[in-house]
Amino acid sequence: MTYNAIKISPRSRFRAAMVLAIIADALQIAVFPLFVEGAESPADDILDFGIGAVLVYLLGWHWEFLPSFLGKLVPGVDLVPFWTMAVANVYRKSKNTPVTIEGTRVEQPTRIDPPNR
């Protein structure tokens, strides 16, 4: 028995993740009265956990997502588009890492300049 899995290109994954992040941030900013309680808002928590789970599914786990969770616990900080900034930062970092022929990512060696004497 063969399974026909749907494969989504990385570019489409980033595009979908960015659209979802923008929608989540717009909801938290535009529908401000529902999310005003910060850490005590169940609607905010449900939205954040749902968006976080979808972004991890689309892009994999990245440390950039952690400040998005923690920043949403403080009232008033919901006005900062953390999800959009996190996805943009993951995209920026993925563009800086070259791809080898096999398709795996290779870390760039860090350049250390000798001290001037």
PDB file of N, CA and C in Angstrom:
ATOM      1  N   MET A   1       0.837  -1.148   0.000  1.00  0.00           N
ATOM      2  CA  MET A   1       0.000   0.000   0.000  1.00  0.00           C
ATOM      3  C   MET A   1       0.906   1.241   0.000  1.00  0.00           C
ATOM      4  N   THR A   2       0.637   2.158  -0.886  1.00  0.00           N
ATOM      5  CA  THR A   2       1.439   3.377  -0.961  1.00  0.00           C
ATOM      6  C   THR A   2       0.608   4.559  -0.486  1.00  0.00           C
ATOM      7  N   TYR A   3       1.294   5.473   0.148  1.00  0.00           N
ATOM      8  CA  TYR A   3       0.637   6.687   0.620  1.00  0.00           C
ATOM      9  C   TYR A   3       1.113   7.849  -0.224  1.00  0.00           C
ATOM     10  N   ASN A   4       0.201   8.619  -0.706  1.00  0.00           N
ATOM     11  CA  ASN A   4       0.531   9.800  -1.490  1.00  0.00           C
ATOM     12  C   ASN A   4       0.559  11.003  -0.554  1.00  0.00           C
ATOM     13  N   ALA A   5       1.735  11.308  -0.055  1.00  0.00           N
ATOM     14  CA  ALA A   5       1.877  12.433   0.862  1.00  0.00           C
ATOM     15  C   ALA A   5       1.976  13.726   0.064  1.00  0.00           C
ATOM     16  N   ILE A   6       1.334  14.740   0.580  1.00  0.00           N
ATOM     17  CA  ILE A   6       1.399  16.050  -0.060  1.00  0.00           C
ATOM     18  C   ILE A   6       2.671  16.737   0.426  1.00  0.00           C
ATOM     19  N   LYS A   7       3.497  17.126  -0.507  1.00  0.00           N
ATOM     20  CA  LYS A   7       4.741  17.809  -0.153  1.00  0.00           C
ATOM     21  C   LYS A   7       4.583  19.287  -0.445  1.00  0.00           C
ATOM     22  N   ILE A   8       4.942  20.096   0.541  1.00  0.00           N
ATOM     23  CA  ILE A   8       4.852  21.541   0.392  1.00  0.00           C
ATOM     24  C   ILE A   8       6.273  22.079   0.326  1.00  0.00           C
ATOM     25  N   SER A   9       6.537  22.931  -0.643  1.00  0.00           N
ATOM     26  CA  SER A   9       7.873  23.483  -0.793  1.00  0.00           C
ATOM     27  C   SER A   9       8.190  24.408   0.379  1.00  0.00           C
ATOM     28  N   PRO A  10       9.473  24.569   0.710  1.00  0.00           N
ATOM     29  CA  PRO A  10       9.849  25.469   1.806  1.00  0.00           C
ATOM     30  C   PRO A  10       9.370  26.904   1.578  1.00  0.00           C
ATOM     31  N   ARG A  11       9.375  27.338   0.343  1.00  0.00           N
ATOM     32  CA  ARG A  11       8.921  28.697   0.053  1.00  0.00           C
ATOM     33  C   ARG A  11       7.431  28.853   0.382  1.00  0.00           C
ATOM     34  N   SER A  12       6.639  27.848   0.025  1.00  0.00           N
ATOM     35  CA  SER A  12       5.211  27.886   0.338  1.00  0.00           C
ATOM     36  C   SER A  12       4.973  27.794   1.838  1.00  0.00           C
ATOM     37  N   ARG A  13       5.813  27.023   2.532  1.00  0.00           N
ATOM     38  CA  ARG A  13       5.694  26.928   3.988  1.00  0.00           C
ATOM     39  C   ARG A  13       5.948  28.280   4.643  1.00  0.00           C
ATOM     40  N   PHE A  14       7.005  28.979   4.204  1.00  0.00           N
ATOM     41  CA  PHE A  14       7.305  30.296   4.761  1.00  0.00           C
ATOM     42  C   PHE A  14       6.194  31.290   4.431  1.00  0.00           C
ATOM     43  N   ARG A  15       5.670  31.204   3.229  1.00  0.00           N
ATOM     44  CA  ARG A  15       4.583  32.111   2.842  1.00  0.00           C
ATOM     45  C   ARG A  15       3.348  31.867   3.710  1.00  0.00           C
ATOM     46  N   ALA A  16       2.979  30.610   3.903  1.00  0.00           N
ATOM     47  CA  ALA A  16       1.824  30.284   4.738  1.00  0.00           C
ATOM     48  C   ALA A  16       2.062  30.684   6.192  1.00  0.00           C
ATOM     49  N   ALA A  17       3.293  30.462   6.681  1.00  0.00           N
ATOM     50  CA  ALA A  17       3.618  30.839   8.057  1.00  0.00           C
ATOM     51  C   ALA A  17       3.541  32.353   8.235  1.00  0.00           C
ATOM     52  N   MET A  18       4.001  33.107   7.252  1.00  0.00           N
ATOM     53  CA  MET A  18       3.959  34.567   7.358  1.00  0.00           C
ATOM     54  C   MET A  18       2.521  35.074   7.333  1.00  0.00           C
ATOM     55  N   VAL A  19       1.695  34.506   6.468  1.00  0.00           N
ATOM     56  CA  VAL A  19       0.289  34.918   6.410  1.00  0.00           C
ATOM     57  C   VAL A  19      -0.403  34.619   7.740  1.00  0.00           C
ATOM     58  N   LEU A  20      -0.176  33.433   8.298  1.00  0.00           N
ATOM     59  CA  LEU A  20      -0.791  33.082   9.580  1.00  0.00           C
ATOM     60  C   LEU A  20      -0.286  33.982  10.706  1.00  0.00           C
ATOM     61  N   ALA A  21       0.999  34.299  10.712  1.00  0.00           N
ATOM     62  CA  ALA A  21       1.554  35.172  11.743  1.00  0.00           C
ATOM     63  C   ALA A  21       0.957  36.574  11.654  1.00  0.00           C
ATOM     64  N   ILE A  22       0.812  37.085  10.441  1.00  0.00           N
ATOM     65  CA  ILE A  22       0.224  38.417  10.259  1.00  0.00           C
ATOM     66  C   ILE A  22      -1.237  38.413  10.701  1.00  0.00           C
ATOM     67  N   ILE A  23      -1.979  37.361  10.366  1.00  0.00           N
ATOM     68  CA  ILE A  23      -3.382  37.276  10.779  1.00  0.00           C
ATOM     69  C   ILE A  23      -3.490  37.210  12.301  1.00  0.00           C
ATOM     70  N   ALA A  24      -2.624  36.394  12.946  1.00  0.00           N
ATOM     71  CA  ALA A  24      -2.668  36.277  14.405  1.00  0.00           C
ATOM     72  C   ALA A  24      -2.337  37.607  15.070  1.00  0.00           C
ATOM     73  N   ASP A  25      -1.303  38.293  14.583  1.00  0.00           N
ATOM     74  CA  ASP A  25      -0.941  39.582  15.165  1.00  0.00           C
ATOM     75  C   ASP A  25      -2.025  40.627  14.919  1.00  0.00           C
ATOM     76  N   ALA A  26      -2.631  40.606  13.743  1.00  0.00           N
ATOM     77  CA  ALA A  26      -3.709  41.557  13.454  1.00  0.00           C
ATOM     78  C   ALA A  26      -4.915  41.303  14.352  1.00  0.00           C
ATOM     79  N   LEU A  27      -5.234  40.035  14.599  1.00  0.00           N
ATOM     80  CA  LEU A  27      -6.335  39.721  15.509  1.00  0.00           C
ATOM     81  C   LEU A  27      -6.049  40.218  16.921  1.00  0.00           C
ATOM     82  N   GLN A  28      -4.815  40.021  17.373  1.00  0.00           N
ATOM     83  CA  GLN A  28      -4.482  40.437  18.731  1.00  0.00           C
ATOM     84  C   GLN A  28      -4.424  41.955  18.862  1.00  0.00           C
ATOM     85  N   ILE A  29      -4.151  42.659  17.794  1.00  0.00           N
ATOM     86  CA  ILE A  29      -4.102  44.114  17.851  1.00  0.00           C
ATOM     87  C   ILE A  29      -5.485  44.711  17.583  1.00  0.00           C
ATOM     88  N   ALA A  30      -6.189  44.221  16.574  1.00  0.00           N
ATOM     89  CA  ALA A  30      -7.476  44.805  16.183  1.00  0.00           C
ATOM     90  C   ALA A  30      -8.597  44.442  17.151  1.00  0.00           C
ATOM     91  N   VAL A  31      -8.571  43.230  17.657  1.00  0.00           N
ATOM     92  CA  VAL A  31      -9.609  42.782  18.575  1.00  0.00           C
ATOM     93  C   VAL A  31      -9.058  42.907  19.998  1.00  0.00           C
ATOM     94  N   PHE A  32      -8.546  44.085  20.315  1.00  0.00           N
ATOM     95  CA  PHE A  32      -7.837  44.344  21.563  1.00  0.00           C
ATOM     96  C   PHE A  32      -8.638  44.036  22.821  1.00  0.00           C
ATOM     97  N   PRO A  33      -9.927  44.346  22.923  1.00  0.00           N
ATOM     98  CA  PRO A  33     -10.636  44.091  24.183  1.00  0.00           C
ATOM     99  C   PRO A  33     -10.675  42.622  24.603  1.00  0.00           C
ATOM    100  N   LEU A  34     -10.642  41.698  23.673  1.00  0.00           N
ATOM    101  CA  LEU A  34     -10.643  40.280  24.051  1.00  0.00           C
ATOM    102  C   LEU A  34      -9.309  39.827  24.621  1.00  0.00           C
ATOM    103  N   PHE A  35      -8.225  40.511  24.250  1.00  0.00           N
ATOM    104  CA  PHE A  35      -6.894  40.063  24.641  1.00  0.00           C
ATOM    105  C   PHE A  35      -6.229  40.994  25.649  1.00  0.00           C
ATOM    106  N   VAL A  36      -6.954  41.889  26.283  1.00  0.00           N
ATOM    107  CA  VAL A  36      -6.363  42.919  27.120  1.00  0.00           C
ATOM    108  C   VAL A  36      -5.815  42.376  28.447  1.00  0.00           C
ATOM    109  N   GLU A  37      -6.261  41.211  28.881  1.00  0.00           N
ATOM    110  CA  GLU A  37      -5.841  40.717  30.189  1.00  0.00           C
ATOM    111  C   GLU A  37      -4.436  40.137  30.205  1.00  0.00           C
ATOM    112  N   GLY A  38      -3.779  40.010  29.096  1.00  0.00           N
ATOM    113  CA  GLY A  38      -2.416  39.469  29.059  1.00  0.00           C
ATOM    114  C   GLY A  38      -2.413  37.991  29.362  1.00  0.00           C
ATOM    115  N   ALA A  39      -1.745  37.592  30.457  1.00  0.00           N
ATOM    116  CA  ALA A  39      -1.598  36.181  30.801  1.00  0.00           C
ATOM    117  C   ALA A  39      -2.915  35.550  31.237  1.00  0.00           C
ATOM    118  N   GLU A  40      -3.908  36.352  31.620  1.00  0.00           N
ATOM    119  CA  GLU A  40      -5.172  35.808  32.097  1.00  0.00           C
ATOM    120  C   GLU A  40      -6.215  35.637  30.994  1.00  0.00           C
ATOM    121  N   SER A  41      -5.886  35.954  29.765  1.00  0.00           N
ATOM    122  CA  SER A  41      -6.855  35.888  28.678  1.00  0.00           C
ATOM    123  C   SER A  41      -6.846  34.505  28.047  1.00  0.00           C
ATOM    124  N   PRO A  42      -7.934  33.723  28.214  1.00  0.00           N
ATOM    125  CA  PRO A  42      -7.958  32.394  27.596  1.00  0.00           C
ATOM    126  C   PRO A  42      -7.995  32.464  26.071  1.00  0.00           C
ATOM    127  N   ALA A  43      -8.654  33.474  25.505  1.00  0.00           N
ATOM    128  CA  ALA A  43      -8.692  33.591  24.042  1.00  0.00           C
ATOM    129  C   ALA A  43      -7.290  33.849  23.499  1.00  0.00           C
ATOM    130  N   ASP A  44      -6.529  34.668  24.183  1.00  0.00           N
ATOM    131  CA  ASP A  44      -5.154  34.969  23.773  1.00  0.00           C
ATOM    132  C   ASP A  44      -4.279  33.719  23.868  1.00  0.00           C
ATOM    133  N   ASP A  45      -4.444  32.961  24.958  1.00  0.00           N
ATOM    134  CA  ASP A  45      -3.659  31.744  25.141  1.00  0.00           C
ATOM    135  C   ASP A  45      -3.971  30.708  24.063  1.00  0.00           C
ATOM    136  N   ILE A  46      -5.241  30.541  23.757  1.00  0.00           N
ATOM    137  CA  ILE A  46      -5.646  29.572  22.730  1.00  0.00           C
ATOM    138  C   ILE A  46      -5.073  29.982  21.372  1.00  0.00           C
ATOM    139  N   LEU A  47      -5.185  31.274  21.051  1.00  0.00           N
ATOM    140  CA  LEU A  47      -4.652  31.755  19.779  1.00  0.00           C
ATOM    141  C   LEU A  47      -3.142  31.572  19.712  1.00  0.00           C
ATOM    142  N   ASP A  48      -2.430  31.922  20.784  1.00  0.00           N
ATOM    143  CA  ASP A  48      -0.970  31.797  20.785  1.00  0.00           C
ATOM    144  C   ASP A  48      -0.508  30.347  20.678  1.00  0.00           C
ATOM    145  N   PHE A  49      -1.128  29.455  21.447  1.00  0.00           N
ATOM    146  CA  PHE A  49      -0.728  28.049  21.361  1.00  0.00           C
ATOM    147  C   PHE A  49      -1.056  27.449  20.000  1.00  0.00           C
ATOM    148  N   GLY A  50      -2.192  27.820  19.452  1.00  0.00           N
ATOM    149  CA  GLY A  50      -2.558  27.320  18.128  1.00  0.00           C
ATOM    150  C   GLY A  50      -1.604  27.811  17.049  1.00  0.00           C
ATOM    151  N   ILE A  51      -1.326  29.118  17.048  1.00  0.00           N
ATOM    152  CA  ILE A  51      -0.401  29.671  16.048  1.00  0.00           C
ATOM    153  C   ILE A  51       0.998  29.107  16.253  1.00  0.00           C
ATOM    154  N   GLY A  52       1.421  29.000  17.502  1.00  0.00           N
ATOM    155  CA  GLY A  52       2.744  28.426  17.773  1.00  0.00           C
ATOM    156  C   GLY A  52       2.862  27.003  17.262  1.00  0.00           C
ATOM    157  N   ALA A  53       1.826  26.195  17.482  1.00  0.00           N
ATOM    158  CA  ALA A  53       1.850  24.806  17.011  1.00  0.00           C
ATOM    159  C   ALA A  53       1.890  24.735  15.491  1.00  0.00           C
ATOM    160  N   VAL A  54       1.100  25.575  14.829  1.00  0.00           N
ATOM    161  CA  VAL A  54       1.082  25.568  13.363  1.00  0.00           C
ATOM    162  C   VAL A  54       2.427  26.043  12.808  1.00  0.00           C
ATOM    163  N   LEU A  55       3.017  27.062  13.418  1.00  0.00           N
ATOM    164  CA  LEU A  55       4.309  27.553  12.937  1.00  0.00           C
ATOM    165  C   LEU A  55       5.414  26.520  13.150  1.00  0.00           C
ATOM    166  N   VAL A  56       5.375  25.823  14.273  1.00  0.00           N
ATOM    167  CA  VAL A  56       6.361  24.764  14.500  1.00  0.00           C
ATOM    168  C   VAL A  56       6.158  23.635  13.487  1.00  0.00           C
ATOM    169  N   TYR A  57       4.920  23.329  13.159  1.00  0.00           N
ATOM    170  CA  TYR A  57       4.645  22.308  12.143  1.00  0.00           C
ATOM    171  C   TYR A  57       5.164  22.745  10.773  1.00  0.00           C
ATOM    172  N   LEU A  58       4.941  24.005  10.420  1.00  0.00           N
ATOM    173  CA  LEU A  58       5.345  24.487   9.097  1.00  0.00           C
ATOM    174  C   LEU A  58       6.847  24.706   8.982  1.00  0.00           C
ATOM    175  N   LEU A  59       7.460  25.287  10.023  1.00  0.00           N
ATOM    176  CA  LEU A  59       8.865  25.702   9.920  1.00  0.00           C
ATOM    177  C   LEU A  59       9.812  24.902  10.802  1.00  0.00           C
ATOM    178  N   GLY A  60       9.287  24.094  11.700  1.00  0.00           N
ATOM    179  CA  GLY A  60      10.133  23.407  12.660  1.00  0.00           C
ATOM    180  C   GLY A  60      10.364  24.298  13.875  1.00  0.00           C
ATOM    181  N   TRP A  61      10.970  23.729  14.916  1.00  0.00           N
ATOM    182  CA  TRP A  61      11.196  24.492  16.132  1.00  0.00           C
ATOM    183  C   TRP A  61      12.347  25.476  15.935  1.00  0.00           C
ATOM    184  N   HIS A  62      12.118  26.712  16.330  1.00  0.00           N
ATOM    185  CA  HIS A  62      13.144  27.748  16.303  1.00  0.00           C
ATOM    186  C   HIS A  62      13.054  28.540  17.594  1.00  0.00           C
ATOM    187  N   TRP A  63      14.193  28.977  18.108  1.00  0.00           N
ATOM    188  CA  TRP A  63      14.222  29.742  19.353  1.00  0.00           C
ATOM    189  C   TRP A  63      13.520  31.091  19.205  1.00  0.00           C
ATOM    190  N   GLU A  64      13.326  31.558  18.001  1.00  0.00           N
ATOM    191  CA  GLU A  64      12.658  32.841  17.789  1.00  0.00           C
ATOM    192  C   GLU A  64      11.193  32.805  18.222  1.00  0.00           C
ATOM    193  N   PHE A  65      10.615  31.609  18.319  1.00  0.00           N
ATOM    194  CA  PHE A  65       9.223  31.505  18.716  1.00  0.00           C
ATOM    195  C   PHE A  65       9.033  31.684  20.224  1.00  0.00           C
ATOM    196  N   LEU A  66      10.055  31.429  21.005  1.00  0.00           N
ATOM    197  CA  LEU A  66       9.940  31.519  22.458  1.00  0.00           C
ATOM    198  C   LEU A  66       9.622  32.927  22.952  1.00  0.00           C
ATOM    199  N   PRO A  67      10.279  33.996  22.460  1.00  0.00           N
ATOM    200  CA  PRO A  67       9.882  35.338  22.909  1.00  0.00           C
ATOM    201  C   PRO A  67       8.440  35.683  22.539  1.00  0.00           C
ATOM    202  N   SER A  68       7.927  35.093  21.485  1.00  0.00           N
ATOM    203  CA  SER A  68       6.528  35.343  21.121  1.00  0.00           C
ATOM    204  C   SER A  68       5.592  34.809  22.201  1.00  0.00           C
ATOM    205  N   PHE A  69       5.897  33.632  22.732  1.00  0.00           N
ATOM    206  CA  PHE A  69       5.089  33.092  23.816  1.00  0.00           C
ATOM    207  C   PHE A  69       5.244  33.928  25.082  1.00  0.00           C
ATOM    208  N   LEU A  70       6.479  34.234  25.454  1.00  0.00           N
ATOM    209  CA  LEU A  70       6.728  34.946  26.703  1.00  0.00           C
ATOM    210  C   LEU A  70       6.249  36.394  26.650  1.00  0.00           C
ATOM    211  N   GLY A  71       6.392  37.051  25.510  1.00  0.00           N
ATOM    212  CA  GLY A  71       5.970  38.436  25.389  1.00  0.00           C
ATOM    213  C   GLY A  71       4.473  38.608  25.479  1.00  0.00           C
ATOM    214  N   LYS A  72       3.727  37.573  25.127  1.00  0.00           N
ATOM    215  CA  LYS A  72       2.267  37.665  25.164  1.00  0.00           C
ATOM    216  C   LYS A  72       1.723  37.555  26.587  1.00  0.00           C
ATOM    217  N   LEU A  73       2.570  37.201  27.557  1.00  0.00           N
ATOM    218  CA  LEU A  73       2.119  37.084  28.936  1.00  0.00           C
ATOM    219  C   LEU A  73       1.995  38.439  29.627  1.00  0.00           C
ATOM    220  N   VAL A  74       2.621  39.462  29.073  1.00  0.00           N
ATOM    221  CA  VAL A  74       2.606  40.790  29.680  1.00  0.00           C
ATOM    222  C   VAL A  74       1.501  41.626  29.028  1.00  0.00           C
ATOM    223  N   PRO A  75       0.597  42.195  29.837  1.00  0.00           N
ATOM    224  CA  PRO A  75      -0.467  43.022  29.251  1.00  0.00           C
ATOM    225  C   PRO A  75       0.117  44.230  28.513  1.00  0.00           C
ATOM    226  N   GLY A  76      -0.434  44.525  27.368  1.00  0.00           N
ATOM    227  CA  GLY A  76       0.023  45.664  26.573  1.00  0.00           C
ATOM    228  C   GLY A  76       1.103  45.309  25.575  1.00  0.00           C
ATOM    229  N   VAL A  77       1.845  44.247  25.821  1.00  0.00           N
ATOM    230  CA  VAL A  77       2.901  43.837  24.906  1.00  0.00           C
ATOM    231  C   VAL A  77       2.306  43.124  23.698  1.00  0.00           C
ATOM    232  N   ASP A  78       1.034  42.763  23.776  1.00  0.00           N
ATOM    233  CA  ASP A  78       0.356  42.134  22.645  1.00  0.00           C
ATOM    234  C   ASP A  78       0.290  43.056  21.437  1.00  0.00           C
ATOM    235  N   LEU A  79       0.568  44.324  21.636  1.00  0.00           N
ATOM    236  CA  LEU A  79       0.523  45.273  20.523  1.00  0.00           C
ATOM    237  C   LEU A  79       1.760  45.188  19.638  1.00  0.00           C
ATOM    238  N   VAL A  80       2.741  44.412  20.052  1.00  0.00           N
ATOM    239  CA  VAL A  80       3.943  44.189  19.237  1.00  0.00           C
ATOM    240  C   VAL A  80       3.717  42.927  18.407  1.00  0.00           C
ATOM    241  N   PRO A  81       3.927  42.978  17.106  1.00  0.00           N
ATOM    242  CA  PRO A  81       3.675  41.796  16.256  1.00  0.00           C
ATOM    243  C   PRO A  81       4.792  40.752  16.371  1.00  0.00           C
ATOM    244  N   PHE A  82       4.834  40.068  17.513  1.00  0.00           N
ATOM    245  CA  PHE A  82       5.899  39.099  17.775  1.00  0.00           C
ATOM    246  C   PHE A  82       5.898  37.936  16.793  1.00  0.00           C
ATOM    247  N   TRP A  83       4.743  37.402  16.447  1.00  0.00           N
ATOM    248  CA  TRP A  83       4.699  36.256  15.535  1.00  0.00           C
ATOM    249  C   TRP A  83       5.258  36.622  14.167  1.00  0.00           C
ATOM    250  N   THR A  84       4.884  37.793  13.668  1.00  0.00           N
ATOM    251  CA  THR A  84       5.384  38.225  12.366  1.00  0.00           C
ATOM    252  C   THR A  84       6.896  38.422  12.410  1.00  0.00           C
ATOM    253  N   MET A  85       7.391  39.033  13.474  1.00  0.00           N
ATOM    254  CA  MET A  85       8.837  39.240  13.605  1.00  0.00           C
ATOM    255  C   MET A  85       9.579  37.915  13.731  1.00  0.00           C
ATOM    256  N   ALA A  86       8.999  36.945  14.434  1.00  0.00           N
ATOM    257  CA  ALA A  86       9.641  35.641  14.594  1.00  0.00           C
ATOM    258  C   ALA A  86       9.758  34.913  13.258  1.00  0.00           C
ATOM    259  N   VAL A  87       8.669  34.895  12.488  1.00  0.00           N
ATOM    260  CA  VAL A  87       8.700  34.218  11.183  1.00  0.00           C
ATOM    261  C   VAL A  87       9.670  34.933  10.244  1.00  0.00           C
ATOM    262  N   ALA A  88       9.674  36.263  10.252  1.00  0.00           N
ATOM    263  CA  ALA A  88      10.608  37.014   9.402  1.00  0.00           C
ATOM    264  C   ALA A  88      12.048  36.717   9.785  1.00  0.00           C
ATOM    265  N   ASN A  89      12.321  36.574  11.079  1.00  0.00           N
ATOM    266  CA  ASN A  89      13.682  36.273  11.517  1.00  0.00           C
ATOM    267  C   ASN A  89      14.095  34.853  11.136  1.00  0.00           C
ATOM    268  N   VAL A  90      13.184  33.899  11.228  1.00  0.00           N
ATOM    269  CA  VAL A  90      13.481  32.527  10.799  1.00  0.00           C
ATOM    270  C   VAL A  90      13.754  32.505   9.298  1.00  0.00           C
ATOM    271  N   TYR A  91      12.967  33.243   8.533  1.00  0.00           N
ATOM    272  CA  TYR A  91      13.177  33.317   7.081  1.00  0.00           C
ATOM    273  C   TYR A  91      14.532  33.949   6.763  1.00  0.00           C
ATOM    274  N   ARG A  92      14.866  35.029   7.472  1.00  0.00           N
ATOM    275  CA  ARG A  92      16.149  35.701   7.242  1.00  0.00           C
ATOM    276  C   ARG A  92      17.311  34.763   7.544  1.00  0.00           C
ATOM    277  N   LYS A  93      17.215  34.026   8.648  1.00  0.00           N
ATOM    278  CA  LYS A  93      18.295  33.100   9.007  1.00  0.00           C
ATOM    279  C   LYS A  93      18.392  31.941   8.024  1.00  0.00           C
ATOM    280  N   SER A  94      17.261  31.502   7.485  1.00  0.00           N
ATOM    281  CA  SER A  94      17.314  30.388   6.534  1.00  0.00           C
ATOM    282  C   SER A  94      17.960  30.819   5.220  1.00  0.00           C
ATOM    283  N   LYS A  95      17.843  32.083   4.862  1.00  0.00           N
ATOM    284  CA  LYS A  95      18.462  32.584   3.633  1.00  0.00           C
ATOM    285  C   LYS A  95      19.972  32.730   3.783  1.00  0.00           C
ATOM    286  N   ASN A  96      20.459  32.900   5.008  1.00  0.00           N
ATOM    287  CA  ASN A  96      21.892  33.078   5.243  1.00  0.00           C
ATOM    288  C   ASN A  96      22.649  31.762   5.290  1.00  0.00           C
ATOM    289  N   THR A  97      21.951  30.638   5.405  1.00  0.00           N
ATOM    290  CA  THR A  97      22.590  29.335   5.478  1.00  0.00           C
ATOM    291  C   THR A  97      22.589  28.699   4.095  1.00  0.00           C
ATOM    292  N   PRO A  98      23.782  28.415   3.524  1.00  0.00           N
ATOM    293  CA  PRO A  98      23.817  27.834   2.176  1.00  0.00           C
ATOM    294  C   PRO A  98      23.330  26.388   2.160  1.00  0.00           C
ATOM    295  N   VAL A  99      22.878  25.950   1.011  1.00  0.00           N
ATOM    296  CA  VAL A  99      22.403  24.587   0.819  1.00  0.00           C
ATOM    297  C   VAL A  99      23.444  23.831   0.010  1.00  0.00           C
ATOM    298  N   THR A 100      23.770  22.610   0.454  1.00  0.00           N
ATOM    299  CA  THR A 100      24.716  21.784  -0.291  1.00  0.00           C
ATOM    300  C   THR A 100      23.969  21.052  -1.402  1.00  0.00           C
ATOM    301  N   ILE A 101      24.689  20.279  -2.170  1.00  0.00           N
ATOM    302  CA  ILE A 101      24.085  19.551  -3.289  1.00  0.00           C
ATOM    303  C   ILE A 101      23.064  18.541  -2.785  1.00  0.00           C
ATOM    304  N   GLU A 102      23.310  17.911  -1.634  1.00  0.00           N
ATOM    305  CA  GLU A 102      22.388  16.919  -1.108  1.00  0.00           C
ATOM    306  C   GLU A 102      21.123  17.555  -0.545  1.00  0.00           C
ATOM    307  N   GLY A 103      21.107  18.882  -0.359  1.00  0.00           N
ATOM    308  CA  GLY A 103      19.929  19.548   0.153  1.00  0.00           C
ATOM    309  C   GLY A 103      19.978  19.812   1.647  1.00  0.00           C
ATOM    310  N   THR A 104      21.085  19.446   2.294  1.00  0.00           N
ATOM    311  CA  THR A 104      21.197  19.722   3.720  1.00  0.00           C
ATOM    312  C   THR A 104      21.902  21.054   3.925  1.00  0.00           C
ATOM    313  N   ARG A 105      21.592  21.675   5.006  1.00  0.00           N
ATOM    314  CA  ARG A 105      22.172  22.986   5.304  1.00  0.00           C
ATOM    315  C   ARG A 105      23.554  22.819   5.927  1.00  0.00           C
ATOM    316  N   VAL A 106      24.447  23.739   5.581  1.00  0.00           N
ATOM    317  CA  VAL A 106      25.804  23.735   6.110  1.00  0.00           C
ATOM    318  C   VAL A 106      26.027  25.048   6.839  1.00  0.00           C
ATOM    319  N   GLU A 107      26.585  24.955   8.036  1.00  0.00           N
ATOM    320  CA  GLU A 107      26.862  26.166   8.802  1.00  0.00           C
ATOM    321  C   GLU A 107      28.087  26.872   8.219  1.00  0.00           C
ATOM    322  N   GLN A 108      27.990  28.186   8.141  1.00  0.00           N
ATOM    323  CA  GLN A 108      29.110  28.992   7.659  1.00  0.00           C
ATOM    324  C   GLN A 108      30.165  29.080   8.762  1.00  0.00           C
ATOM    325  N   PRO A 109      31.447  28.938   8.429  1.00  0.00           N
ATOM    326  CA  PRO A 109      32.470  29.127   9.451  1.00  0.00           C
ATOM    327  C   PRO A 109      32.530  30.602   9.864  1.00  0.00           C
ATOM    328  N   THR A 110      32.765  30.813  11.143  1.00  0.00           N
ATOM    329  CA  THR A 110      32.849  32.188  11.626  1.00  0.00           C
ATOM    330  C   THR A 110      34.231  32.736  11.342  1.00  0.00           C
ATOM    331  N   ARG A 111      34.247  33.947  10.859  1.00  0.00           N
ATOM    332  CA  ARG A 111      35.517  34.580  10.529  1.00  0.00           C
ATOM    333  C   ARG A 111      35.986  35.360  11.747  1.00  0.00           C
ATOM    334  N   ILE A 112      37.185  35.045  12.198  1.00  0.00           N
ATOM    335  CA  ILE A 112      37.772  35.738  13.338  1.00  0.00           C
ATOM    336  C   ILE A 112      38.976  36.499  12.839  1.00  0.00           C
ATOM    337  N   ASP A 113      38.902  37.811  12.912  1.00  0.00           N
ATOM    338  CA  ASP A 113      40.002  38.650  12.476  1.00  0.00           C
ATOM    339  C   ASP A 113      41.062  38.721  13.572  1.00  0.00           C
ATOM    340  N   PRO A 114      42.360  38.666  13.177  1.00  0.00           N
ATOM    341  CA  PRO A 114      43.406  38.791  14.194  1.00  0.00           C
ATOM    342  C   PRO A 114      43.414  40.215  14.748  1.00  0.00           C
ATOM    343  N   PRO A 115      43.794  40.367  16.008  1.00  0.00           N
ATOM    344  CA  PRO A 115      43.794  41.709  16.595  1.00  0.00           C
ATOM    345  C   PRO A 115      44.867  42.582  15.919  1.00  0.00           C
ATOM    346  N   ASN A 116      44.566  43.841  15.816  1.00  0.00           N
ATOM    347  CA  ASN A 116      45.523  44.805  15.241  1.00  0.00           C
ATOM    348  C   ASN A 116      46.603  45.105  16.260  1.00  0.00           C
ATOM    349  N   ARG A 117      47.844  45.044  15.805  1.00  0.00           N
ATOM    350  CA  ARG A 117      48.946  45.339  16.718  1.00  0.00           C
ATOM    351  C   ARG A 117      49.685  46.545  16.278  1.00  0.00           C
TER     352      ARG A 117
END
